[in-house]
């Protein structure tokens, strides 16, 4: 599968690249707030061995991840290091930081 090149395409692909065996017992919501061109707000819900994505915000996500849409795309495409982006303030996290650390194992992007 070729790597999508917009934030919307990448987020909408999450259910297809979800690895249910890595999410056993999880019932969490990841809210992505992406700003700038191509941005938007989406929620990825991981529960019962499935991942669903919906557009729009919810009241109490497990974690909210905020960044520019272009940075999200660069991270997904392997052009920007996630930890470096976080340390330089390009990524803001509200909620359970531990869940953010699990994202690379929950979703196989490459």
PDB file of N, CA and C in Angstrom:
ATOM      1  N   UNK A   1       0.839  -1.183   0.000  1.00  0.00           N
ATOM      2  CA  UNK A   1       0.000   0.000   0.000  1.00  0.00           C
ATOM      3  C   UNK A   1       0.883   1.245   0.000  1.00  0.00           C
ATOM      4  N   UNK A   2       0.718   2.130  -0.963  1.00  0.00           N
ATOM      5  CA  UNK A   2       1.546   3.345  -0.974  1.00  0.00           C
ATOM      6  C   UNK A   2       1.171   4.252   0.186  1.00  0.00           C
ATOM      7  N   UNK A   3       2.149   4.994   0.680  1.00  0.00           N
ATOM      8  CA  UNK A   3       1.923   5.882   1.811  1.00  0.00           C
ATOM      9  C   UNK A   3       1.051   7.056   1.373  1.00  0.00           C
ATOM     10  N   UNK A   4      -0.076   7.271   2.040  1.00  0.00           N
ATOM     11  CA  UNK A   4      -0.908   8.427   1.718  1.00  0.00           C
ATOM     12  C   UNK A   4      -0.124   9.724   1.954  1.00  0.00           C
ATOM     13  N   UNK A   5      -0.530  10.798   1.277  1.00  0.00           N
ATOM     14  CA  UNK A   5       0.241  12.033   1.423  1.00  0.00           C
ATOM     15  C   UNK A   5      -0.549  13.203   1.999  1.00  0.00           C
ATOM     16  N   UNK A   6      -1.727  12.922   2.570  1.00  0.00           N
ATOM     17  CA  UNK A   6      -2.443  13.969   3.303  1.00  0.00           C
ATOM     18  C   UNK A   6      -2.784  13.430   4.693  1.00  0.00           C
ATOM     19  N   UNK A   7      -2.958  14.349   5.635  1.00  0.00           N
ATOM     20  CA  UNK A   7      -3.299  13.943   6.999  1.00  0.00           C
ATOM     21  C   UNK A   7      -4.598  13.148   7.009  1.00  0.00           C
ATOM     22  N   UNK A   8      -5.598  13.618   6.263  1.00  0.00           N
ATOM     23  CA  UNK A   8      -6.894  12.914   6.211  1.00  0.00           C
ATOM     24  C   UNK A   8      -6.705  11.474   5.728  1.00  0.00           C
ATOM     25  N   UNK A   9      -5.944  11.275   4.648  1.00  0.00           N
ATOM     26  CA  UNK A   9      -5.744   9.924   4.105  1.00  0.00           C
ATOM     27  C   UNK A   9      -5.009   9.030   5.103  1.00  0.00           C
ATOM     28  N   UNK A  10      -4.028   9.591   5.795  1.00  0.00           N
ATOM     29  CA  UNK A  10      -3.259   8.805   6.766  1.00  0.00           C
ATOM     30  C   UNK A  10      -4.158   8.388   7.927  1.00  0.00           C
ATOM     31  N   UNK A  11      -4.928   9.333   8.464  1.00  0.00           N
ATOM     32  CA  UNK A  11      -5.804   9.009   9.593  1.00  0.00           C
ATOM     33  C   UNK A  11      -6.899   8.042   9.163  1.00  0.00           C
ATOM     34  N   UNK A  12      -7.472   8.244   7.990  1.00  0.00           N
ATOM     35  CA  UNK A  12      -8.516   7.327   7.526  1.00  0.00           C
ATOM     36  C   UNK A  12      -7.981   5.927   7.246  1.00  0.00           C
ATOM     37  N   UNK A  13      -6.656   5.796   7.050  1.00  0.00           N
ATOM     38  CA  UNK A  13      -6.033   4.492   6.814  1.00  0.00           C
ATOM     39  C   UNK A  13      -5.735   3.748   8.116  1.00  0.00           C
ATOM     40  N   UNK A  14      -5.847   4.411   9.259  1.00  0.00           N
ATOM     41  CA  UNK A  14      -5.484   3.769  10.530  1.00  0.00           C
ATOM     42  C   UNK A  14      -6.193   2.430  10.760  1.00  0.00           C
ATOM     43  N   UNK A  15      -7.507   2.306  10.504  1.00  0.00           N
ATOM     44  CA  UNK A  15      -8.124   0.992  10.715  1.00  0.00           C
ATOM     45  C   UNK A  15      -7.514  -0.125   9.852  1.00  0.00           C
ATOM     46  N   UNK A  16      -6.995   0.224   8.680  1.00  0.00           N
ATOM     47  CA  UNK A  16      -6.405  -0.784   7.783  1.00  0.00           C
ATOM     48  C   UNK A  16      -5.014  -1.225   8.243  1.00  0.00           C
ATOM     49  N   UNK A  17      -4.303  -0.354   8.962  1.00  0.00           N
ATOM     50  CA  UNK A  17      -2.945  -0.695   9.409  1.00  0.00           C
ATOM     51  C   UNK A  17      -2.910  -1.021  10.900  1.00  0.00           C
ATOM     52  N   UNK A  18      -4.084  -1.107  11.514  1.00  0.00           N
ATOM     53  CA  UNK A  18      -4.220  -1.431  12.933  1.00  0.00           C
ATOM     54  C   UNK A  18      -3.788  -2.866  13.191  1.00  0.00           C
ATOM     55  N   UNK A  19      -3.076  -3.068  14.300  1.00  0.00           N
ATOM     56  CA  UNK A  19      -2.618  -4.399  14.695  1.00  0.00           C
ATOM     57  C   UNK A  19      -3.353  -4.811  15.975  1.00  0.00           C
ATOM     58  N   UNK A  20      -4.467  -5.511  15.834  1.00  0.00           N
ATOM     59  CA  UNK A  20      -5.296  -5.818  17.004  1.00  0.00           C
ATOM     60  C   UNK A  20      -4.576  -6.611  18.090  1.00  0.00           C
ATOM     61  N   UNK A  21      -3.608  -7.444  17.700  1.00  0.00           N
ATOM     62  CA  UNK A  21      -2.893  -8.232  18.697  1.00  0.00           C
ATOM     63  C   UNK A  21      -2.069  -7.354  19.648  1.00  0.00           C
ATOM     64  N   UNK A  22      -1.768  -6.121  19.256  1.00  0.00           N
ATOM     65  CA  UNK A  22      -0.992  -5.202  20.095  1.00  0.00           C
ATOM     66  C   UNK A  22      -1.896  -4.372  21.014  1.00  0.00           C
ATOM     67  N   UNK A  23      -3.212  -4.513  20.859  1.00  0.00           N
ATOM     68  CA  UNK A  23      -4.158  -3.665  21.588  1.00  0.00           C
ATOM     69  C   UNK A  23      -5.049  -4.456  22.544  1.00  0.00           C
ATOM     70  N   UNK A  24      -4.604  -5.619  22.931  1.00  0.00           N
ATOM     71  CA  UNK A  24      -5.428  -6.464  23.781  1.00  0.00           C
ATOM     72  C   UNK A  24      -5.805  -5.735  25.077  1.00  0.00           C
ATOM     73  N   UNK A  25      -7.095  -5.718  25.367  1.00  0.00           N
ATOM     74  CA  UNK A  25      -7.580  -5.098  26.594  1.00  0.00           C
ATOM     75  C   UNK A  25      -7.689  -3.574  26.545  1.00  0.00           C
ATOM     76  N   UNK A  26      -7.358  -2.971  25.437  1.00  0.00           N
ATOM     77  CA  UNK A  26      -7.412  -1.511  25.330  1.00  0.00           C
ATOM     78  C   UNK A  26      -8.829  -1.024  25.052  1.00  0.00           C
ATOM     79  N   UNK A  27      -9.158   0.108  25.661  1.00  0.00           N
ATOM     80  CA  UNK A  27     -10.392   0.826  25.366  1.00  0.00           C
ATOM     81  C   UNK A  27     -10.042   2.301  25.499  1.00  0.00           C
ATOM     82  N   UNK A  28      -9.473   2.859  24.447  1.00  0.00           N
ATOM     83  CA  UNK A  28      -8.905   4.212  24.491  1.00  0.00           C
ATOM     84  C   UNK A  28      -9.329   5.013  23.266  1.00  0.00           C
ATOM     85  N   UNK A  29      -9.317   6.331  23.428  1.00  0.00           N
ATOM     86  CA  UNK A  29      -9.599   7.229  22.309  1.00  0.00           C
ATOM     87  C   UNK A  29      -8.437   8.193  22.128  1.00  0.00           C
ATOM     88  N   UNK A  30      -7.986   8.297  20.898  1.00  0.00           N
ATOM     89  CA  UNK A  30      -6.887   9.185  20.515  1.00  0.00           C
ATOM     90  C   UNK A  30      -7.483  10.311  19.677  1.00  0.00           C
ATOM     91  N   UNK A  31      -7.433  11.534  20.183  1.00  0.00           N
ATOM     92  CA  UNK A  31      -7.959  12.662  19.417  1.00  0.00           C
ATOM     93  C   UNK A  31      -6.786  13.385  18.760  1.00  0.00           C
ATOM     94  N   UNK A  32      -6.863  13.534  17.452  1.00  0.00           N
ATOM     95  CA  UNK A  32      -5.839  14.230  16.678  1.00  0.00           C
ATOM     96  C   UNK A  32      -6.375  15.599  16.277  1.00  0.00           C
ATOM     97  N   UNK A  33      -5.706  16.650  16.725  1.00  0.00           N
ATOM     98  CA  UNK A  33      -6.068  18.015  16.353  1.00  0.00           C
ATOM     99  C   UNK A  33      -4.943  18.552  15.479  1.00  0.00           C
ATOM    100  N   UNK A  34      -5.187  18.574  14.179  1.00  0.00           N
ATOM    101  CA  UNK A  34      -4.154  18.947  13.222  1.00  0.00           C
ATOM    102  C   UNK A  34      -4.499  20.304  12.623  1.00  0.00           C
ATOM    103  N   UNK A  35      -3.550  21.226  12.705  1.00  0.00           N
ATOM    104  CA  UNK A  35      -3.786  22.597  12.249  1.00  0.00           C
ATOM    105  C   UNK A  35      -3.121  22.841  10.904  1.00  0.00           C
ATOM    106  N   UNK A  36      -3.485  23.961  10.297  1.00  0.00           N
ATOM    107  CA  UNK A  36      -2.880  24.350   9.025  1.00  0.00           C
ATOM    108  C   UNK A  36      -3.561  23.667   7.852  1.00  0.00           C
ATOM    109  N   UNK A  37      -2.951  23.831   6.683  1.00  0.00           N
ATOM    110  CA  UNK A  37      -3.512  23.272   5.455  1.00  0.00           C
ATOM    111  C   UNK A  37      -3.660  21.761   5.564  1.00  0.00           C
ATOM    112  N   UNK A  38      -4.842  21.265   5.226  1.00  0.00           N
ATOM    113  CA  UNK A  38      -5.097  19.824   5.290  1.00  0.00           C
ATOM    114  C   UNK A  38      -5.415  19.327   6.684  1.00  0.00           C
ATOM    115  N   UNK A  39      -5.552  20.236   7.634  1.00  0.00           N
ATOM    116  CA  UNK A  39      -5.792  19.842   9.016  1.00  0.00           C
ATOM    117  C   UNK A  39      -7.243  19.508   9.292  1.00  0.00           C
ATOM    118  N   UNK A  40      -7.507  19.208  10.538  1.00  0.00           N
ATOM    119  CA  UNK A  40      -8.842  18.859  10.987  1.00  0.00           C
ATOM    120  C   UNK A  40      -8.730  18.155  12.323  1.00  0.00           C
ATOM    121  N   UNK A  41      -9.848  17.680  12.818  1.00  0.00           N
ATOM    122  CA  UNK A  41      -9.880  16.941  14.081  1.00  0.00           C
ATOM    123  C   UNK A  41     -10.513  15.584  13.825  1.00  0.00           C
ATOM    124  N   UNK A  42      -9.835  14.557  14.302  1.00  0.00           N
ATOM    125  CA  UNK A  42     -10.310  13.174  14.153  1.00  0.00           C
ATOM    126  C   UNK A  42     -10.111  12.437  15.461  1.00  0.00           C
ATOM    127  N   UNK A  43     -10.911  11.393  15.641  1.00  0.00           N
ATOM    128  CA  UNK A  43     -10.774  10.528  16.809  1.00  0.00           C
ATOM    129  C   UNK A  43     -10.605   9.093  16.328  1.00  0.00           C
ATOM    130  N   UNK A  44      -9.541   8.466  16.826  1.00  0.00           N
ATOM    131  CA  UNK A  44      -9.337   7.037  16.583  1.00  0.00           C
ATOM    132  C   UNK A  44      -9.678   6.319  17.887  1.00  0.00           C
ATOM    133  N   UNK A  45     -10.673   5.449  17.825  1.00  0.00           N
ATOM    134  CA  UNK A  45     -11.074   4.678  19.008  1.00  0.00           C
ATOM    135  C   UNK A  45     -10.553   3.259  18.862  1.00  0.00           C
ATOM    136  N   UNK A  46      -9.813   2.833  19.878  1.00  0.00           N
ATOM    137  CA  UNK A  46      -9.270   1.479  19.914  1.00  0.00           C
ATOM    138  C   UNK A  46      -9.978   0.750  21.050  1.00  0.00           C
ATOM    139  N   UNK A  47     -10.801  -0.232  20.690  1.00  0.00           N
ATOM    140  CA  UNK A  47     -11.552  -0.998  21.692  1.00  0.00           C
ATOM    141  C   UNK A  47     -11.966  -2.333  21.096  1.00  0.00           C
ATOM    142  N   UNK A  48     -12.006  -3.345  21.933  1.00  0.00           N
ATOM    143  CA  UNK A  48     -12.480  -4.673  21.527  1.00  0.00           C
ATOM    144  C   UNK A  48     -11.739  -5.201  20.298  1.00  0.00           C
ATOM    145  N   UNK A  49     -10.436  -4.931  20.218  1.00  0.00           N
ATOM    146  CA  UNK A  49      -9.628  -5.443  19.114  1.00  0.00           C
ATOM    147  C   UNK A  49      -9.901  -4.789  17.784  1.00  0.00           C
ATOM    148  N   UNK A  50     -10.535  -3.603  17.796  1.00  0.00           N
ATOM    149  CA  UNK A  50     -10.836  -2.900  16.558  1.00  0.00           C
ATOM    150  C   UNK A  50     -10.430  -1.439  16.666  1.00  0.00           C
ATOM    151  N   UNK A  51     -10.247  -0.813  15.505  1.00  0.00           N
ATOM    152  CA  UNK A  51      -9.975   0.615  15.442  1.00  0.00           C
ATOM    153  C   UNK A  51     -11.000   1.248  14.511  1.00  0.00           C
ATOM    154  N   UNK A  52     -11.638   2.299  15.002  1.00  0.00           N
ATOM    155  CA  UNK A  52     -12.544   3.072  14.166  1.00  0.00           C
ATOM    156  C   UNK A  52     -12.099   4.528  14.195  1.00  0.00           C
ATOM    157  N   UNK A  53     -12.316   5.222  13.105  1.00  0.00           N
ATOM    158  CA  UNK A  53     -11.938   6.631  13.003  1.00  0.00           C
ATOM    159  C   UNK A  53     -13.180   7.438  12.658  1.00  0.00           C
ATOM    160  N   UNK A  54     -13.368   8.543  13.387  1.00  0.00           N
ATOM    161  CA  UNK A  54     -14.458   9.459  13.091  1.00  0.00           C
ATOM    162  C   UNK A  54     -13.903  10.877  13.026  1.00  0.00           C
ATOM    163  N   UNK A  55     -14.537  11.696  12.216  1.00  0.00           N
ATOM    164  CA  UNK A  55     -14.115  13.085  12.110  1.00  0.00           C
ATOM    165  C   UNK A  55     -14.843  13.887  13.177  1.00  0.00           C
ATOM    166  N   UNK A  56     -14.137  14.863  13.751  1.00  0.00           N
ATOM    167  CA  UNK A  56     -14.724  15.714  14.776  1.00  0.00           C
ATOM    168  C   UNK A  56     -14.154  15.400  16.142  1.00  0.00           C
ATOM    169  N   UNK A  57     -14.446  16.269  17.102  1.00  0.00           N
ATOM    170  CA  UNK A  57     -13.916  16.141  18.457  1.00  0.00           C
ATOM    171  C   UNK A  57     -14.918  15.429  19.365  1.00  0.00           C
ATOM    172  N   UNK A  58     -14.391  14.878  20.460  1.00  0.00           N
ATOM    173  CA  UNK A  58     -15.232  14.309  21.509  1.00  0.00           C
ATOM    174  C   UNK A  58     -14.890  15.020  22.817  1.00  0.00           C
ATOM    175  N   UNK A  59     -15.724  14.826  23.833  1.00  0.00           N
ATOM    176  CA  UNK A  59     -15.552  15.555  25.089  1.00  0.00           C
ATOM    177  C   UNK A  59     -14.370  15.105  25.935  1.00  0.00           C
ATOM    178  N   UNK A  60     -14.174  13.820  26.086  1.00  0.00           N
ATOM    179  CA  UNK A  60     -13.144  13.344  27.008  1.00  0.00           C
ATOM    180  C   UNK A  60     -12.285  12.247  26.385  1.00  0.00           C
ATOM    181  N   UNK A  61     -11.421  12.607  25.414  1.00  0.00           N
ATOM    182  CA  UNK A  61     -10.548  11.577  24.836  1.00  0.00           C
ATOM    183  C   UNK A  61      -9.518  11.104  25.866  1.00  0.00           C
ATOM    184  N   UNK A  62      -9.000   9.919  25.671  1.00  0.00           N
ATOM    185  CA  UNK A  62      -7.934   9.418  26.548  1.00  0.00           C
ATOM    186  C   UNK A  62      -6.692  10.280  26.411  1.00  0.00           C
ATOM    187  N   UNK A  63      -6.436  10.725  25.172  1.00  0.00           N
ATOM    188  CA  UNK A  63      -5.288  11.590  24.906  1.00  0.00           C
ATOM    189  C   UNK A  63      -5.601  12.454  23.689  1.00  0.00           C
ATOM    190  N   UNK A  64      -5.121  13.695  23.722  1.00  0.00           N
ATOM    191  CA  UNK A  64      -5.255  14.599  22.583  1.00  0.00           C
ATOM    192  C   UNK A  64      -3.859  14.942  22.085  1.00  0.00           C
ATOM    193  N   UNK A  65      -3.657  14.769  20.793  1.00  0.00           N
ATOM    194  CA  UNK A  65      -2.365  15.041  20.161  1.00  0.00           C
ATOM    195  C   UNK A  65      -2.577  16.194  19.190  1.00  0.00           C
ATOM    196  N   UNK A  66      -1.863  17.294  19.420  1.00  0.00           N
ATOM    197  CA  UNK A  66      -2.017  18.486  18.584  1.00  0.00           C
ATOM    198  C   UNK A  66      -0.709  18.795  17.868  1.00  0.00           C
ATOM    199  N   UNK A  67      -0.818  19.091  16.569  1.00  0.00           N
ATOM    200  CA  UNK A  67       0.355  19.474  15.777  1.00  0.00           C
ATOM    201  C   UNK A  67      -0.117  20.002  14.431  1.00  0.00           C
ATOM    202  N   UNK A  68       0.813  20.509  13.651  1.00  0.00           N
ATOM    203  CA  UNK A  68       0.490  20.923  12.289  1.00  0.00           C
ATOM    204  C   UNK A  68       0.265  19.686  11.436  1.00  0.00           C
ATOM    205  N   UNK A  69      -0.685  19.775  10.525  1.00  0.00           N
ATOM    206  CA  UNK A  69      -0.977  18.647   9.639  1.00  0.00           C
ATOM    207  C   UNK A  69       0.265  18.229   8.858  1.00  0.00           C
ATOM    208  N   UNK A  70       1.050  19.207   8.419  1.00  0.00           N
ATOM    209  CA  UNK A  70       2.261  18.895   7.637  1.00  0.00           C
ATOM    210  C   UNK A  70       3.262  18.094   8.465  1.00  0.00           C
ATOM    211  N   UNK A  71       3.374  18.399   9.773  1.00  0.00           N
ATOM    212  CA  UNK A  71       4.281  17.635  10.637  1.00  0.00           C
ATOM    213  C   UNK A  71       3.763  16.216  10.840  1.00  0.00           C
ATOM    214  N   UNK A  72       2.449  16.061  10.970  1.00  0.00           N
ATOM    215  CA  UNK A  72       1.860  14.724  11.118  1.00  0.00           C
ATOM    216  C   UNK A  72       2.172  13.868   9.890  1.00  0.00           C
ATOM    217  N   UNK A  73       2.022  14.453   8.721  1.00  0.00           N
ATOM    218  CA  UNK A  73       2.318  13.740   7.479  1.00  0.00           C
ATOM    219  C   UNK A  73       3.801  13.364   7.433  1.00  0.00           C
ATOM    220  N   UNK A  74       4.667  14.301   7.805  1.00  0.00           N
ATOM    221  CA  UNK A  74       6.116  14.037   7.785  1.00  0.00           C
ATOM    222  C   UNK A  74       6.486  12.907   8.748  1.00  0.00           C
ATOM    223  N   UNK A  75       5.855  12.867   9.915  1.00  0.00           N
ATOM    224  CA  UNK A  75       6.114  11.789  10.875  1.00  0.00           C
ATOM    225  C   UNK A  75       5.645  10.455  10.295  1.00  0.00           C
ATOM    226  N   UNK A  76       4.438  10.431   9.756  1.00  0.00           N
ATOM    227  CA  UNK A  76       3.886   9.190   9.197  1.00  0.00           C
ATOM    228  C   UNK A  76       4.734   8.665   8.045  1.00  0.00           C
ATOM    229  N   UNK A  77       5.331   9.579   7.283  1.00  0.00           N
ATOM    230  CA  UNK A  77       6.151   9.179   6.139  1.00  0.00           C
ATOM    231  C   UNK A  77       7.606   8.912   6.527  1.00  0.00           C
ATOM    232  N   UNK A  78       7.931   9.046   7.815  1.00  0.00           N
ATOM    233  CA  UNK A  78       9.287   8.783   8.279  1.00  0.00           C
ATOM    234  C   UNK A  78      10.269   9.897   7.978  1.00  0.00           C
ATOM    235  N   UNK A  79       9.774  11.089   7.639  1.00  0.00           N
ATOM    236  CA  UNK A  79      10.647  12.217   7.314  1.00  0.00           C
ATOM    237  C   UNK A  79      10.934  13.097   8.524  1.00  0.00           C
ATOM    238  N   UNK A  80      10.180  12.901   9.613  1.00  0.00           N
ATOM    239  CA  UNK A  80      10.362  13.665  10.837  1.00  0.00           C
ATOM    240  C   UNK A  80      10.317  12.697  12.006  1.00  0.00           C
ATOM    241  N   UNK A  81      11.323  12.747  12.861  1.00  0.00           N
ATOM    242  CA  UNK A  81      11.405  11.872  14.020  1.00  0.00           C
ATOM    243  C   UNK A  81      10.397  12.328  15.075  1.00  0.00           C
ATOM    244  N   UNK A  82       9.581  11.409  15.548  1.00  0.00           N
ATOM    245  CA  UNK A  82       8.527  11.736  16.504  1.00  0.00           C
ATOM    246  C   UNK A  82       9.097  12.354  17.781  1.00  0.00           C
ATOM    247  N   UNK A  83      10.116  11.742  18.358  1.00  0.00           N
ATOM    248  CA  UNK A  83      10.676  12.245  19.617  1.00  0.00           C
ATOM    249  C   UNK A  83      11.285  13.629  19.417  1.00  0.00           C
ATOM    250  N   UNK A  84      11.976  13.816  18.316  1.00  0.00           N
ATOM    251  CA  UNK A  84      12.576  15.118  18.014  1.00  0.00           C
ATOM    252  C   UNK A  84      11.474  16.181  17.855  1.00  0.00           C
ATOM    253  N   UNK A  85      10.382  15.827  17.190  1.00  0.00           N
ATOM    254  CA  UNK A  85       9.261  16.756  17.008  1.00  0.00           C
ATOM    255  C   UNK A  85       8.637  17.108  18.355  1.00  0.00           C
ATOM    256  N   UNK A  86       8.505  16.123  19.226  1.00  0.00           N
ATOM    257  CA  UNK A  86       7.934  16.368  20.545  1.00  0.00           C
ATOM    258  C   UNK A  86       8.851  17.274  21.370  1.00  0.00           C
ATOM    259  N   UNK A  87      10.136  16.949  21.373  1.00  0.00           N
ATOM    260  CA  UNK A  87      11.100  17.713  22.174  1.00  0.00           C
ATOM    261  C   UNK A  87      11.234  19.159  21.691  1.00  0.00           C
ATOM    262  N   UNK A  88      11.002  19.385  20.409  1.00  0.00           N
ATOM    263  CA  UNK A  88      11.119  20.742  19.871  1.00  0.00           C
ATOM    264  C   UNK A  88       9.781  21.506  19.922  1.00  0.00           C
ATOM    265  N   UNK A  89       8.769  20.902  20.545  1.00  0.00           N
ATOM    266  CA  UNK A  89       7.501  21.586  20.729  1.00  0.00           C
ATOM    267  C   UNK A  89       6.541  21.513  19.549  1.00  0.00           C
ATOM    268  N   UNK A  90       6.861  20.701  18.552  1.00  0.00           N
ATOM    269  CA  UNK A  90       5.969  20.579  17.384  1.00  0.00           C
ATOM    270  C   UNK A  90       4.752  19.725  17.683  1.00  0.00           C
ATOM    271  N   UNK A  91       4.853  18.894  18.725  1.00  0.00           N
ATOM    272  CA  UNK A  91       3.738  18.036  19.131  1.00  0.00           C
ATOM    273  C   UNK A  91       3.356  18.399  20.562  1.00  0.00           C
ATOM    274  N   UNK A  92       2.071  18.630  20.771  1.00  0.00           N
ATOM    275  CA  UNK A  92       1.549  18.889  22.116  1.00  0.00           C
ATOM    276  C   UNK A  92       0.627  17.734  22.480  1.00  0.00           C
ATOM    277  N   UNK A  93       0.755  17.272  23.724  1.00  0.00           N
ATOM    278  CA  UNK A  93      -0.035  16.132  24.190  1.00  0.00           C
ATOM    279  C   UNK A  93      -0.785  16.521  25.458  1.00  0.00           C
ATOM    280  N   UNK A  94      -2.092  16.235  25.476  1.00  0.00           N
ATOM    281  CA  UNK A  94      -2.907  16.398  26.679  1.00  0.00           C
ATOM    282  C   UNK A  94      -3.494  15.042  27.001  1.00  0.00           C
ATOM    283  N   UNK A  95      -3.269  14.571  28.221  1.00  0.00           N
ATOM    284  CA  UNK A  95      -3.811  13.269  28.607  1.00  0.00           C
ATOM    285  C   UNK A  95      -2.709  12.263  28.833  1.00  0.00           C
ATOM    286  N   UNK A  96      -3.011  11.023  28.555  1.00  0.00           N
ATOM    287  CA  UNK A  96      -2.137   9.894  28.857  1.00  0.00           C
ATOM    288  C   UNK A  96      -0.972   9.784  27.859  1.00  0.00           C
ATOM    289  N   UNK A  97       0.176  10.298  28.274  1.00  0.00           N
ATOM    290  CA  UNK A  97       1.374  10.280  27.430  1.00  0.00           C
ATOM    291  C   UNK A  97       1.792   8.846  27.072  1.00  0.00           C
ATOM    292  N   UNK A  98       1.537   7.912  27.965  1.00  0.00           N
ATOM    293  CA  UNK A  98       1.886   6.518  27.700  1.00  0.00           C
ATOM    294  C   UNK A  98       1.182   5.964  26.469  1.00  0.00           C
ATOM    295  N   UNK A  99      -0.029   6.435  26.229  1.00  0.00           N
ATOM    296  CA  UNK A  99      -0.766   5.975  25.046  1.00  0.00           C
ATOM    297  C   UNK A  99      -0.102   6.449  23.763  1.00  0.00           C
ATOM    298  N   UNK A 100       0.430   7.662  23.791  1.00  0.00           N
ATOM    299  CA  UNK A 100       1.109   8.196  22.600  1.00  0.00           C
ATOM    300  C   UNK A 100       2.304   7.314  22.258  1.00  0.00           C
ATOM    301  N   UNK A 101       2.991   6.843  23.285  1.00  0.00           N
ATOM    302  CA  UNK A 101       4.167   6.000  23.070  1.00  0.00           C
ATOM    303  C   UNK A 101       3.787   4.656  22.429  1.00  0.00           C
ATOM    304  N   UNK A 102       2.532   4.229  22.598  1.00  0.00           N
ATOM    305  CA  UNK A 102       2.076   2.952  22.037  1.00  0.00           C
ATOM    306  C   UNK A 102       1.663   3.059  20.571  1.00  0.00           C
ATOM    307  N   UNK A 103       1.451   4.279  20.074  1.00  0.00           N
ATOM    308  CA  UNK A 103       0.951   4.439  18.696  1.00  0.00           C
ATOM    309  C   UNK A 103       1.778   3.686  17.649  1.00  0.00           C
ATOM    310  N   UNK A 104       3.120   3.779  17.691  1.00  0.00           N
ATOM    311  CA  UNK A 104       3.888   3.069  16.649  1.00  0.00           C
ATOM    312  C   UNK A 104       3.695   1.552  16.658  1.00  0.00           C
ATOM    313  N   UNK A 105       3.387   0.962  17.823  1.00  0.00           N
ATOM    314  CA  UNK A 105       3.166  -0.480  17.839  1.00  0.00           C
ATOM    315  C   UNK A 105       1.732  -0.848  17.468  1.00  0.00           C
ATOM    316  N   UNK A 106       0.788   0.077  17.692  1.00  0.00           N
ATOM    317  CA  UNK A 106      -0.606  -0.206  17.355  1.00  0.00           C
ATOM    318  C   UNK A 106      -0.880  -0.153  15.859  1.00  0.00           C
ATOM    319  N   UNK A 107      -0.107   0.694  15.167  1.00  0.00           N
ATOM    320  CA  UNK A 107      -0.336   0.912  13.744  1.00  0.00           C
ATOM    321  C   UNK A 107       0.940   0.682  12.959  1.00  0.00           C
ATOM    322  N   UNK A 108       0.869  -0.215  11.987  1.00  0.00           N
ATOM    323  CA  UNK A 108       2.045  -0.523  11.157  1.00  0.00           C
ATOM    324  C   UNK A 108       1.942   0.308   9.885  1.00  0.00           C
ATOM    325  N   UNK A 109       2.661   1.436   9.871  1.00  0.00           N
ATOM    326  CA  UNK A 109       2.535   2.388   8.773  1.00  0.00           C
ATOM    327  C   UNK A 109       3.383   2.032   7.551  1.00  0.00           C
ATOM    328  N   UNK A 110       4.391   1.195   7.731  1.00  0.00           N
ATOM    329  CA  UNK A 110       5.246   0.912   6.562  1.00  0.00           C
ATOM    330  C   UNK A 110       5.146  -0.526   6.128  1.00  0.00           C
TER     331      UNK A 110
END
